[in-house]
Amino acid sequence: MTALRTATAERHSALDTRTPLAAESPDLRAYRDHLHLLEAWLAPLQPALADGQPGLPPRDHLALIRADLAHPALDGLPALPVLAPAPLPHLDDAAYRWGVAYVVEGSQLGGAVLYKRLAQRLAPHPLAYLRGDGSPGPRWQQFLAALRAAVVTERQIEQACRGARQAFDSLIWLVERLNSSSAPPAGRP
Protein backbone atom coordinates (compact mmCIF):
# COMPACT_ATOMS: atom_id res chain seq x y z
CA MET A 1 0.00 0.00 0.00
CA THR A 2 2.79 2.39 0.83
CA ALA A 3 4.44 1.72 -2.54
CA LEU A 4 1.18 2.38 -4.40
CA ARG A 5 0.43 5.57 -2.47
CA THR A 6 3.96 6.85 -3.04
CA ALA A 7 3.94 5.90 -6.72
CA THR A 8 0.69 7.77 -7.38
CA ALA A 9 0.64 10.67 -4.91
CA GLU A 10 1.70 13.40 -7.36
CA ARG A 11 -0.61 12.11 -10.09
CA HIS A 12 -3.52 11.89 -7.68
CA SER A 13 -2.94 15.44 -6.51
CA ALA A 14 -2.67 16.73 -10.10
CA LEU A 15 -5.86 14.97 -11.13
CA ASP A 16 -7.81 16.36 -8.17
CA THR A 17 -7.27 19.90 -9.46
CA ARG A 18 -7.95 19.29 -13.17
CA THR A 19 -11.20 17.37 -13.54
CA PRO A 20 -14.43 19.18 -14.42
CA LEU A 21 -15.74 18.58 -10.89
CA ALA A 22 -12.70 20.38 -9.45
CA ALA A 23 -14.26 23.68 -10.50
CA GLU A 24 -15.28 26.05 -7.72
CA SER A 25 -18.97 25.68 -8.58
CA PRO A 26 -19.42 22.54 -10.68
CA ASP A 27 -22.68 22.34 -12.61
CA LEU A 28 -24.51 19.61 -14.52
CA ARG A 29 -22.29 20.16 -17.54
CA ALA A 30 -19.24 19.57 -15.33
CA TYR A 31 -20.80 16.34 -14.06
CA ARG A 32 -21.64 15.26 -17.61
CA ASP A 33 -18.08 16.02 -18.73
CA HIS A 34 -16.71 14.13 -15.71
CA LEU A 35 -18.81 11.11 -16.64
CA HIS A 36 -17.67 11.38 -20.24
CA LEU A 37 -14.03 11.32 -19.12
CA LEU A 38 -14.61 8.31 -16.93
CA GLU A 39 -16.47 6.47 -19.69
CA ALA A 40 -13.56 7.01 -22.11
CA TRP A 41 -11.13 5.94 -19.38
CA LEU A 42 -12.99 2.87 -18.15
CA ALA A 43 -14.21 1.47 -21.49
CA PRO A 44 -10.85 -0.08 -22.46
CA LEU A 45 -10.29 -1.28 -18.88
CA GLN A 46 -13.67 -2.93 -18.41
CA PRO A 47 -12.82 -6.24 -20.15
CA ALA A 48 -9.68 -6.72 -18.04
CA LEU A 49 -11.46 -5.79 -14.81
CA ALA A 50 -14.86 -7.34 -15.62
CA ASP A 51 -14.33 -10.41 -13.45
CA GLY A 52 -13.62 -8.20 -10.45
CA GLN A 53 -10.93 -8.95 -7.97
CA PRO A 54 -10.88 -12.08 -5.79
CA GLY A 55 -13.23 -11.64 -2.86
CA LEU A 56 -15.13 -8.76 -4.49
CA PRO A 57 -18.19 -8.93 -6.68
CA PRO A 58 -17.70 -7.41 -10.12
CA ARG A 59 -19.00 -3.86 -10.50
CA ASP A 60 -20.24 -2.48 -13.81
CA HIS A 61 -18.99 1.09 -13.61
CA LEU A 62 -19.87 1.76 -17.23
CA ALA A 63 -23.54 0.88 -16.71
CA LEU A 64 -23.81 3.46 -13.90
CA ILE A 65 -21.98 6.07 -15.98
CA ARG A 66 -24.16 5.48 -19.03
CA ALA A 67 -27.35 5.61 -16.97
CA ASP A 68 -26.26 8.95 -15.51
CA LEU A 69 -25.34 10.26 -18.97
CA ALA A 70 -28.83 9.32 -20.21
CA HIS A 71 -30.62 11.14 -17.36
CA PRO A 72 -33.00 13.86 -18.64
CA ALA A 73 -31.37 16.47 -16.39
CA LEU A 74 -28.48 16.50 -18.89
CA ASP A 75 -30.68 17.15 -21.95
CA GLY A 76 -29.83 20.29 -23.86
CA LEU A 77 -26.18 20.55 -22.85
CA PRO A 78 -23.62 21.41 -25.54
CA ALA A 79 -22.18 18.53 -27.52
CA LEU A 80 -19.30 16.58 -26.04
CA PRO A 81 -15.90 16.47 -27.69
CA VAL A 82 -14.79 13.04 -28.87
CA LEU A 83 -12.28 11.50 -26.47
CA ALA A 84 -10.21 8.61 -27.74
CA PRO A 85 -9.07 6.51 -24.79
CA ALA A 86 -5.41 6.25 -23.94
CA PRO A 87 -4.26 2.61 -24.04
CA LEU A 88 -2.94 0.77 -21.03
CA PRO A 89 -0.48 -1.73 -22.50
CA HIS A 90 0.00 -4.42 -19.87
CA LEU A 91 -3.50 -5.50 -18.88
CA ASP A 92 -2.50 -9.13 -19.38
CA ASP A 93 -0.29 -8.96 -16.26
CA ALA A 94 -2.21 -9.74 -13.05
CA ALA A 95 -0.15 -7.44 -10.80
CA TYR A 96 -0.46 -4.58 -13.31
CA ARG A 97 -4.27 -5.09 -13.28
CA TRP A 98 -4.20 -4.89 -9.48
CA GLY A 99 -2.55 -1.48 -9.79
CA VAL A 100 -5.18 -0.32 -12.28
CA ALA A 101 -7.92 -1.70 -10.04
CA TYR A 102 -6.39 0.22 -7.10
CA VAL A 103 -7.04 3.47 -8.98
CA VAL A 104 -10.53 2.44 -10.12
CA GLU A 105 -11.59 1.24 -6.67
CA GLY A 106 -10.00 4.26 -5.01
CA SER A 107 -11.99 6.54 -7.28
CA GLN A 108 -15.12 5.24 -5.62
CA LEU A 109 -13.95 6.75 -2.31
CA GLY A 110 -13.55 10.09 -4.05
CA GLY A 111 -16.95 9.63 -5.67
CA ALA A 112 -18.59 9.28 -2.26
CA VAL A 113 -17.03 12.57 -1.14
CA LEU A 114 -18.15 14.28 -4.35
CA TYR A 115 -21.66 12.88 -3.96
CA LYS A 116 -22.02 14.46 -0.52
CA ARG A 117 -20.75 17.77 -1.85
CA LEU A 118 -22.80 17.83 -5.06
CA ALA A 119 -26.05 15.91 -4.47
CA GLN A 120 -28.09 18.93 -3.47
CA ARG A 121 -26.46 21.32 -5.95
CA LEU A 122 -27.02 19.05 -8.97
CA ALA A 123 -30.50 17.77 -8.05
CA PRO A 124 -32.69 16.43 -9.57
CA HIS A 125 -29.89 14.39 -11.15
CA PRO A 126 -29.42 11.31 -8.94
CA LEU A 127 -25.60 11.17 -9.40
CA ALA A 128 -25.87 7.37 -9.35
CA TYR A 129 -22.26 6.86 -10.39
CA LEU A 130 -20.93 8.98 -7.53
CA ARG A 131 -23.41 7.49 -5.05
CA GLY A 132 -22.48 3.93 -6.02
CA ASP A 133 -24.17 1.21 -4.03
CA GLY A 134 -23.67 2.69 -0.60
CA SER A 135 -20.64 3.40 1.50
CA PRO A 136 -17.47 2.42 -0.40
CA GLY A 137 -15.52 1.85 2.82
CA PRO A 138 -16.27 -1.87 3.33
CA ARG A 139 -15.59 -2.70 -0.31
CA TRP A 140 -12.34 -0.70 -0.17
CA GLN A 141 -11.20 -2.65 2.90
CA GLN A 142 -12.02 -5.96 1.17
CA PHE A 143 -10.14 -4.79 -1.92
CA LEU A 144 -7.07 -3.82 0.12
CA ALA A 145 -7.03 -7.21 1.86
CA ALA A 146 -7.22 -9.02 -1.48
CA LEU A 147 -4.55 -6.74 -2.98
CA ARG A 148 -2.16 -7.39 -0.08
CA ALA A 149 -2.67 -11.15 -0.48
CA ALA A 150 -2.14 -11.12 -4.27
CA VAL A 151 0.69 -8.61 -4.71
CA VAL A 152 3.62 -9.69 -2.55
CA THR A 153 6.86 -9.96 -4.53
CA GLU A 154 9.02 -7.00 -5.51
CA ARG A 155 8.22 -7.62 -9.17
CA GLN A 156 4.47 -7.72 -8.46
CA ILE A 157 4.67 -4.55 -6.40
CA GLU A 158 6.54 -2.76 -9.19
CA GLN A 159 4.04 -3.97 -11.79
CA ALA A 160 1.12 -2.86 -9.58
CA CYS A 161 2.74 0.55 -9.16
CA ARG A 162 3.29 0.74 -12.90
CA GLY A 163 -0.37 -0.11 -13.56
CA ALA A 164 -1.56 2.49 -11.05
CA ARG A 165 0.73 5.19 -12.47
CA GLN A 166 -0.36 4.45 -16.02
CA ALA A 167 -4.04 4.39 -15.01
CA PHE A 168 -3.65 7.87 -13.54
CA ASP A 169 -1.63 9.01 -16.57
CA SER A 170 -4.31 7.85 -18.99
CA LEU A 171 -7.01 9.69 -17.06
CA ILE A 172 -4.88 12.85 -16.82
CA TRP A 173 -4.27 12.59 -20.58
CA LEU A 174 -8.05 12.49 -21.16
CA VAL A 175 -8.63 15.44 -18.81
CA GLU A 176 -6.07 17.45 -20.74
CA ARG A 177 -7.80 16.58 -24.04
CA LEU A 178 -11.15 17.68 -22.65
CA ASN A 179 -9.73 20.87 -21.15
CA SER A 180 -8.03 21.76 -24.42
CA SER A 181 -11.21 21.36 -26.47
CA SER A 182 -12.67 24.53 -27.96
CA ALA A 183 -15.42 24.90 -25.36
CA PRO A 184 -14.67 26.68 -22.06
CA PRO A 185 -14.25 24.20 -19.20
CA ALA A 186 -17.48 23.12 -17.57
CA GLY A 187 -18.41 24.71 -14.26
CA ARG A 188 -16.15 27.70 -14.86
CA PRO A 189 -17.16 31.18 -16.06
C-alpha atoms as a PDB file:
ATOM      1  CA  MET A   1       0.000   0.000   0.000  1.00  0.00           C
ATOM      2  CA  THR A   2       2.791   2.390   0.828  1.00  0.00           C
ATOM      3  CA  ALA A   3       4.441   1.723  -2.538  1.00  0.00           C
ATOM      4  CA  LEU A   4       1.183   2.378  -4.402  1.00  0.00           C
ATOM      5  CA  ARG A   5       0.430   5.568  -2.473  1.00  0.00           C
ATOM      6  CA  THR A   6       3.956   6.850  -3.038  1.00  0.00           C
ATOM      7  CA  ALA A   7       3.937   5.903  -6.722  1.00  0.00           C
ATOM      8  CA  THR A   8       0.691   7.771  -7.381  1.00  0.00           C
ATOM      9  CA  ALA A   9       0.645  10.673  -4.911  1.00  0.00           C
ATOM     10  CA  GLU A  10       1.698  13.399  -7.356  1.00  0.00           C
ATOM     11  CA  ARG A  11      -0.612  12.109 -10.088  1.00  0.00           C
ATOM     12  CA  HIS A  12      -3.516  11.887  -7.675  1.00  0.00           C
ATOM     13  CA  SER A  13      -2.939  15.442  -6.513  1.00  0.00           C
ATOM     14  CA  ALA A  14      -2.666  16.732 -10.096  1.00  0.00           C
ATOM     15  CA  LEU A  15      -5.862  14.972 -11.129  1.00  0.00           C
ATOM     16  CA  ASP A  16      -7.812  16.363  -8.171  1.00  0.00           C
ATOM     17  CA  THR A  17      -7.274  19.899  -9.460  1.00  0.00           C
ATOM     18  CA  ARG A  18      -7.951  19.290 -13.174  1.00  0.00           C
ATOM     19  CA  THR A  19     -11.202  17.373 -13.536  1.00  0.00           C
ATOM     20  CA  PRO A  20     -14.432  19.181 -14.424  1.00  0.00           C
ATOM     21  CA  LEU A  21     -15.736  18.576 -10.889  1.00  0.00           C
ATOM     22  CA  ALA A  22     -12.695  20.385  -9.449  1.00  0.00           C
ATOM     23  CA  ALA A  23     -14.264  23.682 -10.498  1.00  0.00           C
ATOM     24  CA  GLU A  24     -15.277  26.048  -7.716  1.00  0.00           C
ATOM     25  CA  SER A  25     -18.974  25.681  -8.580  1.00  0.00           C
ATOM     26  CA  PRO A  26     -19.420  22.544 -10.682  1.00  0.00           C
ATOM     27  CA  ASP A  27     -22.679  22.343 -12.606  1.00  0.00           C
ATOM     28  CA  LEU A  28     -24.505  19.615 -14.516  1.00  0.00           C
ATOM     29  CA  ARG A  29     -22.295  20.157 -17.539  1.00  0.00           C
ATOM     30  CA  ALA A  30     -19.244  19.571 -15.332  1.00  0.00           C
ATOM     31  CA  TYR A  31     -20.801  16.340 -14.064  1.00  0.00           C
ATOM     32  CA  ARG A  32     -21.636  15.256 -17.609  1.00  0.00           C
ATOM     33  CA  ASP A  33     -18.077  16.025 -18.727  1.00  0.00           C
ATOM     34  CA  HIS A  34     -16.709  14.132 -15.706  1.00  0.00           C
ATOM     35  CA  LEU A  35     -18.811  11.105 -16.639  1.00  0.00           C
ATOM     36  CA  HIS A  36     -17.665  11.376 -20.243  1.00  0.00           C
ATOM     37  CA  LEU A  37     -14.030  11.323 -19.116  1.00  0.00           C
ATOM     38  CA  LEU A  38     -14.615   8.307 -16.926  1.00  0.00           C
ATOM     39  CA  GLU A  39     -16.467   6.474 -19.685  1.00  0.00           C
ATOM     40  CA  ALA A  40     -13.560   7.007 -22.110  1.00  0.00           C
ATOM     41  CA  TRP A  41     -11.128   5.943 -19.378  1.00  0.00           C
ATOM     42  CA  LEU A  42     -12.985   2.868 -18.149  1.00  0.00           C
ATOM     43  CA  ALA A  43     -14.205   1.468 -21.490  1.00  0.00           C
ATOM     44  CA  PRO A  44     -10.846  -0.081 -22.459  1.00  0.00           C
ATOM     45  CA  LEU A  45     -10.294  -1.280 -18.877  1.00  0.00           C
ATOM     46  CA  GLN A  46     -13.669  -2.933 -18.414  1.00  0.00           C
ATOM     47  CA  PRO A  47     -12.817  -6.238 -20.147  1.00  0.00           C
ATOM     48  CA  ALA A  48      -9.679  -6.720 -18.035  1.00  0.00           C
ATOM     49  CA  LEU A  49     -11.459  -5.790 -14.808  1.00  0.00           C
ATOM     50  CA  ALA A  50     -14.857  -7.342 -15.623  1.00  0.00           C
ATOM     51  CA  ASP A  51     -14.326 -10.406 -13.450  1.00  0.00           C
ATOM     52  CA  GLY A  52     -13.616  -8.200 -10.451  1.00  0.00           C
ATOM     53  CA  GLN A  53     -10.928  -8.949  -7.968  1.00  0.00           C
ATOM     54  CA  PRO A  54     -10.884 -12.075  -5.792  1.00  0.00           C
ATOM     55  CA  GLY A  55     -13.232 -11.636  -2.865  1.00  0.00           C
ATOM     56  CA  LEU A  56     -15.126  -8.755  -4.487  1.00  0.00           C
ATOM     57  CA  PRO A  57     -18.195  -8.929  -6.679  1.00  0.00           C
ATOM     58  CA  PRO A  58     -17.699  -7.406 -10.121  1.00  0.00           C
ATOM     59  CA  ARG A  59     -19.004  -3.860 -10.497  1.00  0.00           C
ATOM     60  CA  ASP A  60     -20.242  -2.477 -13.809  1.00  0.00           C
ATOM     61  CA  HIS A  61     -18.989   1.093 -13.611  1.00  0.00           C
ATOM     62  CA  LEU A  62     -19.869   1.757 -17.231  1.00  0.00           C
ATOM     63  CA  ALA A  63     -23.544   0.883 -16.711  1.00  0.00           C
ATOM     64  CA  LEU A  64     -23.811   3.464 -13.904  1.00  0.00           C
ATOM     65  CA  ILE A  65     -21.983   6.071 -15.982  1.00  0.00           C
ATOM     66  CA  ARG A  66     -24.161   5.478 -19.033  1.00  0.00           C
ATOM     67  CA  ALA A  67     -27.350   5.612 -16.968  1.00  0.00           C
ATOM     68  CA  ASP A  68     -26.259   8.955 -15.509  1.00  0.00           C
ATOM     69  CA  LEU A  69     -25.341  10.258 -18.972  1.00  0.00           C
ATOM     70  CA  ALA A  70     -28.829   9.322 -20.208  1.00  0.00           C
ATOM     71  CA  HIS A  71     -30.619  11.138 -17.362  1.00  0.00           C
ATOM     72  CA  PRO A  72     -32.998  13.856 -18.645  1.00  0.00           C
ATOM     73  CA  ALA A  73     -31.371  16.468 -16.394  1.00  0.00           C
ATOM     74  CA  LEU A  74     -28.483  16.501 -18.887  1.00  0.00           C
ATOM     75  CA  ASP A  75     -30.678  17.146 -21.945  1.00  0.00           C
ATOM     76  CA  GLY A  76     -29.833  20.287 -23.865  1.00  0.00           C
ATOM     77  CA  LEU A  77     -26.183  20.547 -22.845  1.00  0.00           C
ATOM     78  CA  PRO A  78     -23.616  21.413 -25.535  1.00  0.00           C
ATOM     79  CA  ALA A  79     -22.176  18.533 -27.523  1.00  0.00           C
ATOM     80  CA  LEU A  80     -19.305  16.584 -26.041  1.00  0.00           C
ATOM     81  CA  PRO A  81     -15.900  16.466 -27.689  1.00  0.00           C
ATOM     82  CA  VAL A  82     -14.795  13.041 -28.867  1.00  0.00           C
ATOM     83  CA  LEU A  83     -12.280  11.505 -26.474  1.00  0.00           C
ATOM     84  CA  ALA A  84     -10.211   8.611 -27.739  1.00  0.00           C
ATOM     85  CA  PRO A  85      -9.074   6.510 -24.788  1.00  0.00           C
ATOM     86  CA  ALA A  86      -5.408   6.245 -23.941  1.00  0.00           C
ATOM     87  CA  PRO A  87      -4.262   2.613 -24.037  1.00  0.00           C
ATOM     88  CA  LEU A  88      -2.939   0.769 -21.029  1.00  0.00           C
ATOM     89  CA  PRO A  89      -0.477  -1.726 -22.504  1.00  0.00           C
ATOM     90  CA  HIS A  90       0.001  -4.423 -19.865  1.00  0.00           C
ATOM     91  CA  LEU A  91      -3.504  -5.496 -18.882  1.00  0.00           C
ATOM     92  CA  ASP A  92      -2.503  -9.132 -19.383  1.00  0.00           C
ATOM     93  CA  ASP A  93      -0.289  -8.957 -16.260  1.00  0.00           C
ATOM     94  CA  ALA A  94      -2.206  -9.737 -13.047  1.00  0.00           C
ATOM     95  CA  ALA A  95      -0.149  -7.443 -10.802  1.00  0.00           C
ATOM     96  CA  TYR A  96      -0.462  -4.584 -13.306  1.00  0.00           C
ATOM     97  CA  ARG A  97      -4.273  -5.087 -13.278  1.00  0.00           C
ATOM     98  CA  TRP A  98      -4.204  -4.890  -9.476  1.00  0.00           C
ATOM     99  CA  GLY A  99      -2.552  -1.482  -9.791  1.00  0.00           C
ATOM    100  CA  VAL A 100      -5.179  -0.316 -12.279  1.00  0.00           C
ATOM    101  CA  ALA A 101      -7.922  -1.698 -10.036  1.00  0.00           C
ATOM    102  CA  TYR A 102      -6.392   0.220  -7.105  1.00  0.00           C
ATOM    103  CA  VAL A 103      -7.038   3.465  -8.983  1.00  0.00           C
ATOM    104  CA  VAL A 104     -10.533   2.440 -10.125  1.00  0.00           C
ATOM    105  CA  GLU A 105     -11.592   1.239  -6.668  1.00  0.00           C
ATOM    106  CA  GLY A 106     -10.002   4.256  -5.011  1.00  0.00           C
ATOM    107  CA  SER A 107     -11.987   6.542  -7.283  1.00  0.00           C
ATOM    108  CA  GLN A 108     -15.122   5.240  -5.616  1.00  0.00           C
ATOM    109  CA  LEU A 109     -13.947   6.745  -2.313  1.00  0.00           C
ATOM    110  CA  GLY A 110     -13.548  10.094  -4.053  1.00  0.00           C
ATOM    111  CA  GLY A 111     -16.946   9.628  -5.667  1.00  0.00           C
ATOM    112  CA  ALA A 112     -18.593   9.280  -2.259  1.00  0.00           C
ATOM    113  CA  VAL A 113     -17.033  12.574  -1.144  1.00  0.00           C
ATOM    114  CA  LEU A 114     -18.152  14.283  -4.350  1.00  0.00           C
ATOM    115  CA  TYR A 115     -21.661  12.885  -3.959  1.00  0.00           C
ATOM    116  CA  LYS A 116     -22.023  14.456  -0.517  1.00  0.00           C
ATOM    117  CA  ARG A 117     -20.748  17.775  -1.853  1.00  0.00           C
ATOM    118  CA  LEU A 118     -22.802  17.832  -5.058  1.00  0.00           C
ATOM    119  CA  ALA A 119     -26.050  15.913  -4.475  1.00  0.00           C
ATOM    120  CA  GLN A 120     -28.094  18.934  -3.473  1.00  0.00           C
ATOM    121  CA  ARG A 121     -26.458  21.319  -5.951  1.00  0.00           C
ATOM    122  CA  LEU A 122     -27.019  19.055  -8.971  1.00  0.00           C
ATOM    123  CA  ALA A 123     -30.496  17.774  -8.048  1.00  0.00           C
ATOM    124  CA  PRO A 124     -32.686  16.435  -9.568  1.00  0.00           C
ATOM    125  CA  HIS A 125     -29.887  14.394 -11.148  1.00  0.00           C
ATOM    126  CA  PRO A 126     -29.422  11.307  -8.940  1.00  0.00           C
ATOM    127  CA  LEU A 127     -25.596  11.165  -9.397  1.00  0.00           C
ATOM    128  CA  ALA A 128     -25.873   7.374  -9.352  1.00  0.00           C
ATOM    129  CA  TYR A 129     -22.255   6.857 -10.388  1.00  0.00           C
ATOM    130  CA  LEU A 130     -20.934   8.976  -7.531  1.00  0.00           C
ATOM    131  CA  ARG A 131     -23.410   7.489  -5.054  1.00  0.00           C
ATOM    132  CA  GLY A 132     -22.481   3.934  -6.020  1.00  0.00           C
ATOM    133  CA  ASP A 133     -24.170   1.213  -4.034  1.00  0.00           C
ATOM    134  CA  GLY A 134     -23.666   2.693  -0.602  1.00  0.00           C
ATOM    135  CA  SER A 135     -20.637   3.400   1.504  1.00  0.00           C
ATOM    136  CA  PRO A 136     -17.474   2.421  -0.400  1.00  0.00           C
ATOM    137  CA  GLY A 137     -15.524   1.850   2.821  1.00  0.00           C
ATOM    138  CA  PRO A 138     -16.274  -1.867   3.334  1.00  0.00           C
ATOM    139  CA  ARG A 139     -15.587  -2.698  -0.314  1.00  0.00           C
ATOM    140  CA  TRP A 140     -12.337  -0.695  -0.174  1.00  0.00           C
ATOM    141  CA  GLN A 141     -11.196  -2.652   2.898  1.00  0.00           C
ATOM    142  CA  GLN A 142     -12.022  -5.956   1.169  1.00  0.00           C
ATOM    143  CA  PHE A 143     -10.140  -4.792  -1.917  1.00  0.00           C
ATOM    144  CA  LEU A 144      -7.073  -3.824   0.121  1.00  0.00           C
ATOM    145  CA  ALA A 145      -7.028  -7.206   1.861  1.00  0.00           C
ATOM    146  CA  ALA A 146      -7.224  -9.018  -1.483  1.00  0.00           C
ATOM    147  CA  LEU A 147      -4.546  -6.736  -2.979  1.00  0.00           C
ATOM    148  CA  ARG A 148      -2.163  -7.395  -0.080  1.00  0.00           C
ATOM    149  CA  ALA A 149      -2.667 -11.147  -0.482  1.00  0.00           C
ATOM    150  CA  ALA A 150      -2.139 -11.120  -4.265  1.00  0.00           C
ATOM    151  CA  VAL A 151       0.694  -8.612  -4.711  1.00  0.00           C
ATOM    152  CA  VAL A 152       3.617  -9.686  -2.552  1.00  0.00           C
ATOM    153  CA  THR A 153       6.856  -9.965  -4.527  1.00  0.00           C
ATOM    154  CA  GLU A 154       9.023  -7.002  -5.512  1.00  0.00           C
ATOM    155  CA  ARG A 155       8.218  -7.624  -9.169  1.00  0.00           C
ATOM    156  CA  GLN A 156       4.473  -7.725  -8.462  1.00  0.00           C
ATOM    157  CA  ILE A 157       4.671  -4.552  -6.402  1.00  0.00           C
ATOM    158  CA  GLU A 158       6.539  -2.762  -9.190  1.00  0.00           C
ATOM    159  CA  GLN A 159       4.037  -3.968 -11.790  1.00  0.00           C
ATOM    160  CA  ALA A 160       1.117  -2.865  -9.585  1.00  0.00           C
ATOM    161  CA  CYS A 161       2.740   0.546  -9.159  1.00  0.00           C
ATOM    162  CA  ARG A 162       3.293   0.740 -12.905  1.00  0.00           C
ATOM    163  CA  GLY A 163      -0.366  -0.109 -13.559  1.00  0.00           C
ATOM    164  CA  ALA A 164      -1.556   2.495 -11.053  1.00  0.00           C
ATOM    165  CA  ARG A 165       0.730   5.192 -12.474  1.00  0.00           C
ATOM    166  CA  GLN A 166      -0.359   4.451 -16.023  1.00  0.00           C
ATOM    167  CA  ALA A 167      -4.036   4.386 -15.008  1.00  0.00           C
ATOM    168  CA  PHE A 168      -3.645   7.869 -13.542  1.00  0.00           C
ATOM    169  CA  ASP A 169      -1.631   9.007 -16.570  1.00  0.00           C
ATOM    170  CA  SER A 170      -4.309   7.849 -18.992  1.00  0.00           C
ATOM    171  CA  LEU A 171      -7.006   9.692 -17.055  1.00  0.00           C
ATOM    172  CA  ILE A 172      -4.877  12.849 -16.819  1.00  0.00           C
ATOM    173  CA  TRP A 173      -4.272  12.590 -20.575  1.00  0.00           C
ATOM    174  CA  LEU A 174      -8.049  12.487 -21.156  1.00  0.00           C
ATOM    175  CA  VAL A 175      -8.629  15.437 -18.813  1.00  0.00           C
ATOM    176  CA  GLU A 176      -6.068  17.455 -20.740  1.00  0.00           C
ATOM    177  CA  ARG A 177      -7.805  16.583 -24.042  1.00  0.00           C
ATOM    178  CA  LEU A 178     -11.149  17.681 -22.647  1.00  0.00           C
ATOM    179  CA  ASN A 179      -9.731  20.871 -21.148  1.00  0.00           C
ATOM    180  CA  SER A 180      -8.026  21.761 -24.421  1.00  0.00           C
ATOM    181  CA  SER A 181     -11.213  21.361 -26.466  1.00  0.00           C
ATOM    182  CA  SER A 182     -12.667  24.528 -27.955  1.00  0.00           C
ATOM    183  CA  ALA A 183     -15.422  24.904 -25.358  1.00  0.00           C
ATOM    184  CA  PRO A 184     -14.671  26.681 -22.055  1.00  0.00           C
ATOM    185  CA  PRO A 185     -14.247  24.199 -19.204  1.00  0.00           C
ATOM    186  CA  ALA A 186     -17.480  23.118 -17.569  1.00  0.00           C
ATOM    187  CA  GLY A 187     -18.410  24.712 -14.263  1.00  0.00           C
ATOM    188  CA  ARG A 188     -16.146  27.696 -14.857  1.00  0.00           C
ATOM    189  CA  PRO A 189     -17.165  31.178 -16.063  1.00  0.00           C
END
